């Protein structure tokens, strides 16, 4: 951020200068109506983006708040550039683009990682690199802004790990697996009541399996973290060790310390040093980290409950038509449409969080889910024909 701030004055001078080349008499040519319209839209979007970053900063503290306010200040410099170009043509404030207004609404009411993910995409799609009236510094700014927002969004994504992962993928598994089960059973020719019972059984069995699996997975991961974390045994054992023959040095070497740092730590533990002669070599006291490493993993019960609930919420969608009395092809079509919408939503959500296109991820999710259901339907037809 310091390097970025130091380069601001030069960019500000460049950005505030009008871009069009002067005419033969030294006067700037009048901008075309298309130029004025485009510049006014840029101006509105810069103002809206600056407001988004300020709104997000209100829900943050410390370093993250400072970063967001610095981004808002940078968008203000871009705003000044377009104001200088427009001059008397600036007119009344123009509404921002739909995308910018949506970002503003989300930032004011939610302020979540989803807003940062959307802002990341917005910065990455800046038109300044191809616009002759935008300076090279402005285009470079937008590229840097994308990386800054990517870093902030990554912090949020890391905080969402564990429970959120279990929730999203649990819902997706419920959608695909139970739709496939319903489609396969219906294709085999059994009665709609049997299809419904099969769907309910699949919901319960799958939700229990997902919940148990997540519980075991997260609990095992937490136990592995606990097993690899150094203990404080050296504090209790050091006073009783033989001064000449002991393996305390090996403990610190095995933990990855350099030989010099390990020897310094041994001297401290054995009481041979009364002070930290070189604090850079000392990591004492050996106390637990203030920040819980397990937060990135999530709690076992939280992950299990989320996985159970979201799998069930996804698995119930394919059987809704049967619960409301629909039968046959109509029920299957309605189930497919409902699941398709849900798959687009879950895929789009993952796309937003990963900073990629929500539509692309949603369509990919849709294709995989409906493809699996179609294959199961064909297998059900074959099975029904063989049995019949």
Protein backbone atom coordinates (compact mmCIF):
# COMPACT_ATOMS: atom_id res chain seq x y z
CA UNK A 1 0.00 0.00 0.00
CA UNK A 2 2.90 2.40 0.72
CA UNK A 3 4.31 2.03 -2.79
CA UNK A 4 0.86 2.50 -4.21
CA UNK A 5 0.37 5.67 -2.17
CA UNK A 6 3.75 7.08 -3.16
CA UNK A 7 2.93 6.82 -6.84
CA UNK A 8 -0.41 8.58 -6.50
CA UNK A 9 0.76 12.16 -7.13
CA UNK A 10 2.22 11.30 -10.54
CA UNK A 11 -0.90 9.40 -11.54
CA UNK A 12 -3.17 12.14 -10.30
CA UNK A 13 -1.39 14.66 -12.51
CA UNK A 14 -1.68 12.35 -15.46
CA UNK A 15 -5.28 11.38 -14.83
CA UNK A 16 -6.54 14.92 -14.35
CA UNK A 17 -5.19 16.09 -17.69
CA UNK A 18 -7.65 15.97 -20.62
CA UNK A 19 -6.78 13.21 -23.07
CA UNK A 20 -8.00 14.41 -26.51
CA UNK A 21 -5.27 15.82 -28.71
CA UNK A 22 -5.37 19.59 -29.30
CA UNK A 23 -6.54 20.85 -32.63
CA UNK A 24 -4.49 22.89 -35.13
CA UNK A 25 -5.12 26.15 -33.20
CA UNK A 26 -4.27 24.63 -29.81
CA UNK A 27 -7.88 24.09 -28.81
CA UNK A 28 -9.25 20.74 -27.77
CA UNK A 29 -11.79 19.29 -30.20
CA UNK A 30 -15.33 19.17 -28.86
CA UNK A 31 -16.22 15.69 -27.60
CA UNK A 32 -18.80 13.77 -29.59
CA UNK A 33 -22.19 12.90 -28.07
CA UNK A 34 -21.01 9.27 -27.85
CA UNK A 35 -17.91 10.35 -25.92
CA UNK A 36 -19.95 12.44 -23.51
CA UNK A 37 -22.38 9.58 -22.90
CA UNK A 38 -19.54 7.11 -22.28
CA UNK A 39 -17.60 9.44 -20.00
CA UNK A 40 -20.69 10.25 -17.95
CA UNK A 41 -21.31 6.53 -17.48
CA UNK A 42 -17.71 6.06 -16.37
CA UNK A 43 -18.13 8.95 -13.96
CA UNK A 44 -21.29 7.45 -12.47
CA UNK A 45 -19.69 4.02 -12.11
CA UNK A 46 -16.57 5.42 -10.44
CA UNK A 47 -18.73 7.26 -7.93
CA UNK A 48 -20.78 4.14 -7.27
CA UNK A 49 -17.69 1.94 -6.84
CA UNK A 50 -16.13 4.43 -4.43
CA UNK A 51 -19.37 4.36 -2.42
CA UNK A 52 -19.29 0.54 -2.37
CA UNK A 53 -15.80 0.51 -0.89
CA UNK A 54 -16.76 3.13 1.70
CA UNK A 55 -19.86 1.12 2.66
CA UNK A 56 -17.78 -2.03 2.99
CA UNK A 57 -15.24 -0.16 5.11
CA UNK A 58 -17.95 0.68 7.64
CA UNK A 59 -18.32 -3.04 8.39
CA UNK A 60 -14.58 -3.65 8.67
CA UNK A 61 -11.88 -2.62 11.08
CA UNK A 62 -8.14 -2.19 11.22
CA UNK A 63 -6.12 -2.94 8.12
CA UNK A 64 -9.05 -4.10 5.98
CA UNK A 65 -10.87 -0.83 6.62
CA UNK A 66 -7.80 1.19 5.61
CA UNK A 67 -7.42 -0.82 2.41
CA UNK A 68 -11.05 -0.31 1.40
CA UNK A 69 -10.88 3.43 2.08
CA UNK A 70 -7.70 3.64 -0.02
CA UNK A 71 -9.54 1.94 -2.88
CA UNK A 72 -12.38 4.44 -2.53
CA UNK A 73 -9.85 7.28 -2.70
CA UNK A 74 -8.35 5.80 -5.88
CA UNK A 75 -11.79 5.62 -7.51
CA UNK A 76 -12.16 9.29 -6.57
CA UNK A 77 -9.05 10.12 -8.61
CA UNK A 78 -10.58 8.35 -11.59
CA UNK A 79 -13.78 10.30 -11.04
CA UNK A 80 -11.76 13.54 -11.19
CA UNK A 81 -10.30 12.48 -14.53
CA UNK A 82 -13.71 12.07 -16.16
CA UNK A 83 -14.95 15.31 -14.61
CA UNK A 84 -11.99 17.13 -16.14
CA UNK A 85 -12.74 15.67 -19.57
CA UNK A 86 -16.45 16.41 -19.38
CA UNK A 87 -16.11 19.95 -18.13
CA UNK A 88 -19.41 21.73 -18.71
CA UNK A 89 -20.86 18.52 -20.20
CA UNK A 90 -20.90 16.71 -16.84
CA UNK A 91 -24.53 17.72 -16.27
CA UNK A 92 -26.69 16.06 -13.67
CA UNK A 93 -25.40 12.84 -12.06
CA UNK A 94 -26.16 9.86 -14.24
CA UNK A 95 -27.42 6.60 -12.70
CA UNK A 96 -24.71 3.99 -12.26
CA UNK A 97 -24.86 0.72 -14.16
CA UNK A 98 -27.13 -2.03 -12.87
CA UNK A 99 -24.07 -3.99 -11.74
CA UNK A 100 -22.68 -1.07 -9.73
CA UNK A 101 -26.06 -0.35 -8.14
CA UNK A 102 -26.46 -4.00 -7.18
CA UNK A 103 -23.00 -3.97 -5.59
CA UNK A 104 -23.94 -0.85 -3.66
CA UNK A 105 -27.14 -2.41 -2.36
CA UNK A 106 -25.33 -5.57 -1.25
CA UNK A 107 -22.53 -3.58 0.38
CA UNK A 108 -24.97 -1.43 2.38
CA UNK A 109 -27.17 -4.29 3.55
CA UNK A 110 -24.82 -7.27 3.75
CA UNK A 111 -21.15 -6.36 3.39
CA UNK A 112 -20.20 -10.00 2.89
CA UNK A 113 -17.55 -11.83 0.94
CA UNK A 114 -20.02 -12.11 -1.93
CA UNK A 115 -19.78 -8.35 -2.46
CA UNK A 116 -16.00 -8.51 -2.58
CA UNK A 117 -16.17 -11.39 -5.05
CA UNK A 118 -18.48 -9.37 -7.29
CA UNK A 119 -16.27 -6.30 -6.91
CA UNK A 120 -13.28 -8.42 -7.93
CA UNK A 121 -15.02 -9.37 -11.15
CA UNK A 122 -16.07 -5.77 -11.76
CA UNK A 123 -12.49 -4.53 -11.41
CA UNK A 124 -11.27 -7.30 -13.71
CA UNK A 125 -13.71 -6.26 -16.46
CA UNK A 126 -12.70 -2.59 -16.54
CA UNK A 127 -12.88 -1.13 -20.09
CA UNK A 128 -10.08 1.38 -19.47
CA UNK A 129 -7.38 -0.71 -21.14
CA UNK A 130 -9.17 -0.34 -24.49
CA UNK A 131 -10.53 3.17 -24.07
CA UNK A 132 -8.27 5.84 -25.67
CA UNK A 133 -9.58 8.49 -23.27
CA UNK A 134 -8.47 6.58 -20.17
CA UNK A 135 -4.81 6.87 -19.18
CA UNK A 136 -2.48 3.93 -18.94
CA UNK A 137 -2.16 4.63 -15.23
CA UNK A 138 -5.92 4.28 -14.78
CA UNK A 139 -5.95 0.93 -16.57
CA UNK A 140 -3.04 -0.23 -14.43
CA UNK A 141 -4.88 0.98 -11.32
CA UNK A 142 -7.87 -1.20 -12.16
CA UNK A 143 -5.62 -4.24 -12.55
CA UNK A 144 -4.04 -3.56 -9.17
CA UNK A 145 -7.46 -2.97 -7.62
CA UNK A 146 -8.56 -6.40 -8.82
CA UNK A 147 -5.64 -8.01 -7.01
CA UNK A 148 -6.30 -5.99 -3.85
CA UNK A 149 -9.96 -7.01 -3.81
CA UNK A 150 -8.96 -10.59 -4.61
CA UNK A 151 -6.79 -10.59 -1.48
CA UNK A 152 -9.62 -9.22 0.67
CA UNK A 153 -12.07 -11.71 -0.81
CA UNK A 154 -9.61 -14.53 -0.12
CA UNK A 155 -9.61 -13.62 3.56
CA UNK A 156 -13.38 -13.91 3.57
CA UNK A 157 -13.31 -17.19 1.66
CA UNK A 158 -10.90 -18.62 4.21
CA UNK A 159 -13.25 -17.60 7.01
CA UNK A 160 -16.08 -19.41 5.21
CA UNK A 161 -14.17 -22.69 4.96
CA UNK A 162 -15.39 -25.78 6.78
CA UNK A 163 -19.06 -25.29 7.59
CA UNK A 164 -19.81 -23.36 4.39
CA UNK A 165 -18.08 -25.97 2.25
CA UNK A 166 -20.16 -28.71 3.87
CA UNK A 167 -23.34 -26.67 3.33
CA UNK A 168 -22.85 -25.88 -0.37
CA UNK A 169 -21.65 -29.27 -1.45
CA UNK A 170 -24.11 -31.03 0.81
CA UNK A 171 -27.00 -29.25 -0.94
CA UNK A 172 -25.56 -30.06 -4.35
CA UNK A 173 -25.12 -33.73 -3.47
CA UNK A 174 -28.70 -33.89 -2.23
CA UNK A 175 -30.04 -32.37 -5.44
CA UNK A 176 -28.14 -34.63 -7.81
CA UNK A 177 -28.33 -37.91 -5.90
CA UNK A 178 -32.03 -37.76 -5.08
CA UNK A 179 -33.02 -36.53 -8.54
CA UNK A 180 -31.08 -39.44 -10.01
CA UNK A 181 -32.78 -41.84 -7.59
CA UNK A 182 -36.25 -40.50 -8.40
CA UNK A 183 -35.62 -40.53 -12.14
CA UNK A 184 -34.26 -44.06 -12.07
CA UNK A 185 -37.16 -45.40 -9.98
CA UNK A 186 -39.76 -43.66 -12.12
CA UNK A 187 -38.19 -44.96 -15.32
CA UNK A 188 -38.35 -48.54 -14.05
CA UNK A 189 -42.16 -48.34 -14.09
CA UNK A 190 -42.97 -48.51 -10.38
CA UNK A 191 -45.93 -46.61 -8.91
CA UNK A 192 -45.58 -42.93 -7.96
CA UNK A 193 -46.06 -43.84 -4.29
CA UNK A 194 -43.02 -46.11 -4.50
CA UNK A 195 -41.02 -43.32 -6.14
CA UNK A 196 -42.01 -40.96 -3.33
CA UNK A 197 -41.05 -43.46 -0.63
CA UNK A 198 -37.75 -44.11 -2.38
CA UNK A 199 -37.06 -40.39 -2.52
CA UNK A 200 -37.80 -39.96 1.18
CA UNK A 201 -35.57 -42.92 2.01
CA UNK A 202 -32.81 -41.48 -0.15
CA UNK A 203 -33.16 -38.12 1.59
CA UNK A 204 -32.85 -39.60 5.08
CA UNK A 205 -30.12 -42.07 4.24
CA UNK A 206 -28.08 -39.54 2.31
CA UNK A 207 -28.44 -36.80 4.94
CA UNK A 208 -27.38 -39.16 7.71
CA UNK A 209 -24.45 -40.38 5.67
CA UNK A 210 -23.32 -36.85 4.80
CA UNK A 211 -23.65 -35.66 8.39
CA UNK A 212 -21.74 -38.62 9.78
CA UNK A 213 -19.07 -38.34 7.10
CA UNK A 214 -18.51 -34.62 7.76
CA UNK A 215 -18.39 -35.19 11.50
CA UNK A 216 -15.72 -37.87 11.13
CA UNK A 217 -13.79 -35.84 8.56
CA UNK A 218 -13.65 -32.63 10.57
CA UNK A 219 -13.05 -34.38 13.90
CA UNK A 220 -10.19 -36.36 12.34
CA UNK A 221 -8.67 -33.22 10.88
CA UNK A 222 -8.84 -31.43 14.22
CA UNK A 223 -7.23 -34.42 15.93
CA UNK A 224 -4.43 -34.42 13.36
CA UNK A 225 -3.83 -30.71 14.00
CA UNK A 226 -3.77 -31.32 17.73
CA UNK A 227 -1.36 -34.24 17.29
CA UNK A 228 1.11 -32.15 15.27
CA UNK A 229 1.11 -29.17 17.60
CA UNK A 230 4.11 -29.03 19.99
CA UNK A 231 3.33 -29.64 23.67
CA UNK A 232 4.74 -27.76 26.66
CA UNK A 233 6.45 -30.83 28.10
CA UNK A 234 9.84 -29.09 27.91
CA UNK A 235 8.73 -26.57 30.54
CA UNK A 236 8.07 -29.32 33.09
CA UNK A 237 10.83 -31.76 32.14
CA UNK A 238 13.75 -29.36 31.64
CA UNK A 239 14.57 -28.77 35.35
CA UNK A 240 14.89 -32.54 35.94
CA UNK A 241 17.10 -33.35 32.95
CA UNK A 242 20.77 -34.31 33.18
CA UNK A 243 22.72 -31.18 32.27
CA UNK A 244 25.29 -33.10 30.21
CA UNK A 245 23.22 -35.90 28.74
CA UNK A 246 19.79 -35.02 27.44
CA UNK A 247 17.91 -34.84 24.16
CA UNK A 248 16.34 -31.42 24.58
CA UNK A 249 18.35 -30.08 21.64
CA UNK A 250 16.84 -32.78 19.44
CA UNK A 251 13.34 -31.64 20.36
CA UNK A 252 13.88 -28.17 18.93
CA UNK A 253 15.79 -29.41 15.91
CA UNK A 254 12.92 -31.79 15.14
CA UNK A 255 10.49 -28.85 15.33
CA UNK A 256 12.39 -27.17 12.51
CA UNK A 257 14.54 -24.67 14.39
CA UNK A 258 18.07 -23.87 13.26
CA UNK A 259 20.94 -25.36 15.28
CA UNK A 260 21.86 -21.97 16.72
CA UNK A 261 18.27 -21.17 17.75
CA UNK A 262 17.83 -24.66 19.20
CA UNK A 263 20.96 -24.34 21.32
CA UNK A 264 19.76 -20.95 22.56
CA UNK A 265 16.39 -22.38 23.51
CA UNK A 266 18.04 -25.32 25.33
CA UNK A 267 20.17 -22.91 27.34
CA UNK A 268 17.07 -21.00 28.33
CA UNK A 269 15.21 -24.13 29.36
CA UNK A 270 18.14 -25.48 31.35
CA UNK A 271 18.45 -22.20 33.24
CA UNK A 272 21.86 -21.37 31.78
CA UNK A 273 20.61 -18.01 30.48
CA UNK A 274 18.95 -15.52 32.77
CA UNK A 275 17.83 -13.23 29.96
CA UNK A 276 17.11 -13.26 26.23
CA UNK A 277 20.55 -12.35 24.94
CA UNK A 278 19.26 -12.48 21.37
CA UNK A 279 15.45 -12.25 21.30
CA UNK A 280 15.43 -13.21 17.63
CA UNK A 281 16.55 -16.71 18.66
CA UNK A 282 13.99 -17.04 21.41
CA UNK A 283 10.45 -18.23 20.91
CA UNK A 284 9.61 -18.44 24.61
CA UNK A 285 7.29 -18.71 26.31
CA UNK A 286 5.93 -21.84 24.70
CA UNK A 287 2.31 -20.88 25.01
CA UNK A 288 -0.60 -21.77 22.73
CA UNK A 289 -1.27 -19.42 19.84
CA UNK A 290 -3.95 -16.86 20.55
CA UNK A 291 -5.67 -17.68 17.29
CA UNK A 292 -7.33 -21.07 17.11
CA UNK A 293 -5.95 -23.03 14.16
CA UNK A 294 -9.10 -25.10 14.14
CA UNK A 295 -11.28 -22.15 13.10
CA UNK A 296 -10.20 -22.73 9.51
CA UNK A 297 -11.39 -26.31 9.76
CA UNK A 298 -14.69 -25.65 11.52
CA UNK A 299 -16.26 -27.61 14.33
CA UNK A 300 -17.22 -31.23 13.77
CA UNK A 301 -20.79 -30.77 15.01
CA UNK A 302 -21.24 -27.58 13.01
CA UNK A 303 -20.03 -29.21 9.81
CA UNK A 304 -22.14 -32.34 10.43
CA UNK A 305 -25.31 -30.38 11.14
CA UNK A 306 -24.79 -28.10 8.15
CA UNK A 307 -24.12 -31.05 5.87
CA UNK A 308 -27.21 -32.91 7.14
CA UNK A 309 -29.53 -29.92 6.79
CA UNK A 310 -28.30 -28.77 3.41
CA UNK A 311 -28.25 -32.26 1.93
CA UNK A 312 -31.82 -32.68 3.12
CA UNK A 313 -32.81 -29.27 1.74
CA UNK A 314 -31.40 -30.27 -1.63
CA UNK A 315 -32.74 -33.83 -1.60
CA UNK A 316 -36.31 -32.74 -0.83
CA UNK A 317 -36.61 -30.67 -4.01
CA UNK A 318 -36.86 -33.65 -6.45
CA UNK A 319 -39.68 -35.21 -4.43
CA UNK A 320 -41.75 -32.04 -4.00
CA UNK A 321 -43.88 -32.73 -7.10
CA UNK A 322 -44.74 -36.20 -5.75
CA UNK A 323 -45.52 -34.77 -2.31
CA UNK A 324 -48.03 -32.41 -3.94
CA UNK A 325 -49.75 -35.21 -5.85
CA UNK A 326 -48.17 -35.00 -9.29
CA UNK A 327 -47.43 -38.28 -11.04
CA UNK A 328 -45.79 -39.67 -14.14
CA UNK A 329 -43.95 -37.54 -16.67
CA UNK A 330 -45.40 -34.30 -15.28
CA UNK A 331 -43.86 -34.94 -11.88
CA UNK A 332 -40.50 -35.78 -13.44
CA UNK A 333 -40.47 -32.65 -15.59
CA UNK A 334 -41.36 -30.42 -12.65
CA UNK A 335 -38.71 -32.12 -10.52
CA UNK A 336 -36.12 -31.60 -13.24
CA UNK A 337 -36.98 -27.91 -13.58
CA UNK A 338 -36.87 -27.30 -9.82
CA UNK A 339 -33.56 -29.10 -9.45
CA UNK A 340 -32.17 -27.26 -12.48
CA UNK A 341 -32.93 -23.89 -10.90
CA UNK A 342 -31.36 -25.00 -7.62
CA UNK A 343 -28.24 -26.29 -9.39
CA UNK A 344 -27.85 -22.96 -11.19
CA UNK A 345 -28.11 -21.21 -7.82
CA UNK A 346 -25.52 -23.40 -6.05
CA UNK A 347 -23.18 -23.30 -9.02
CA UNK A 348 -23.53 -19.54 -9.30
CA UNK A 349 -22.80 -19.17 -5.59
CA UNK A 350 -19.59 -21.16 -5.90
CA UNK A 351 -18.71 -19.11 -8.97
CA UNK A 352 -19.17 -15.87 -7.04
CA UNK A 353 -17.02 -17.02 -4.17
CA UNK A 354 -14.27 -18.25 -6.48
CA UNK A 355 -14.23 -15.00 -8.44
CA UNK A 356 -15.24 -16.67 -11.70
CA UNK A 357 -18.33 -16.33 -13.85
CA UNK A 358 -21.45 -17.33 -11.87
CA UNK A 359 -23.24 -18.20 -15.12
CA UNK A 360 -20.46 -20.49 -16.31
CA UNK A 361 -20.24 -22.31 -13.00
CA UNK A 362 -24.03 -22.53 -12.77
CA UNK A 363 -24.35 -24.01 -16.27
CA UNK A 364 -21.58 -26.48 -15.55
CA UNK A 365 -23.34 -27.55 -12.36
CA UNK A 366 -26.61 -27.84 -14.26
CA UNK A 367 -25.08 -29.95 -17.00
CA UNK A 368 -23.41 -32.36 -14.60
CA UNK A 369 -26.49 -32.76 -12.41
CA UNK A 370 -29.01 -33.25 -15.19
CA UNK A 371 -26.56 -35.45 -17.07
CA UNK A 372 -26.27 -37.78 -14.08
CA UNK A 373 -30.06 -37.88 -13.76
CA UNK A 374 -30.45 -38.64 -17.47
CA UNK A 375 -28.01 -41.55 -17.27
CA UNK A 376 -29.85 -42.94 -14.25
CA UNK A 377 -33.17 -42.58 -16.07
CA UNK A 378 -31.87 -44.59 -19.02
CA UNK A 379 -30.55 -47.26 -16.67
CA UNK A 380 -33.95 -47.36 -14.98
CA UNK A 381 -35.64 -47.90 -18.33
CA UNK A 382 -33.29 -50.76 -19.11
CA UNK A 383 -33.75 -52.29 -15.66
CA UNK A 384 -37.54 -52.03 -15.93
CA UNK A 385 -37.48 -53.66 -19.34
CA UNK A 386 -35.33 -56.55 -18.15
CA UNK A 387 -37.36 -57.16 -15.01
CA UNK A 388 -40.66 -56.80 -16.83
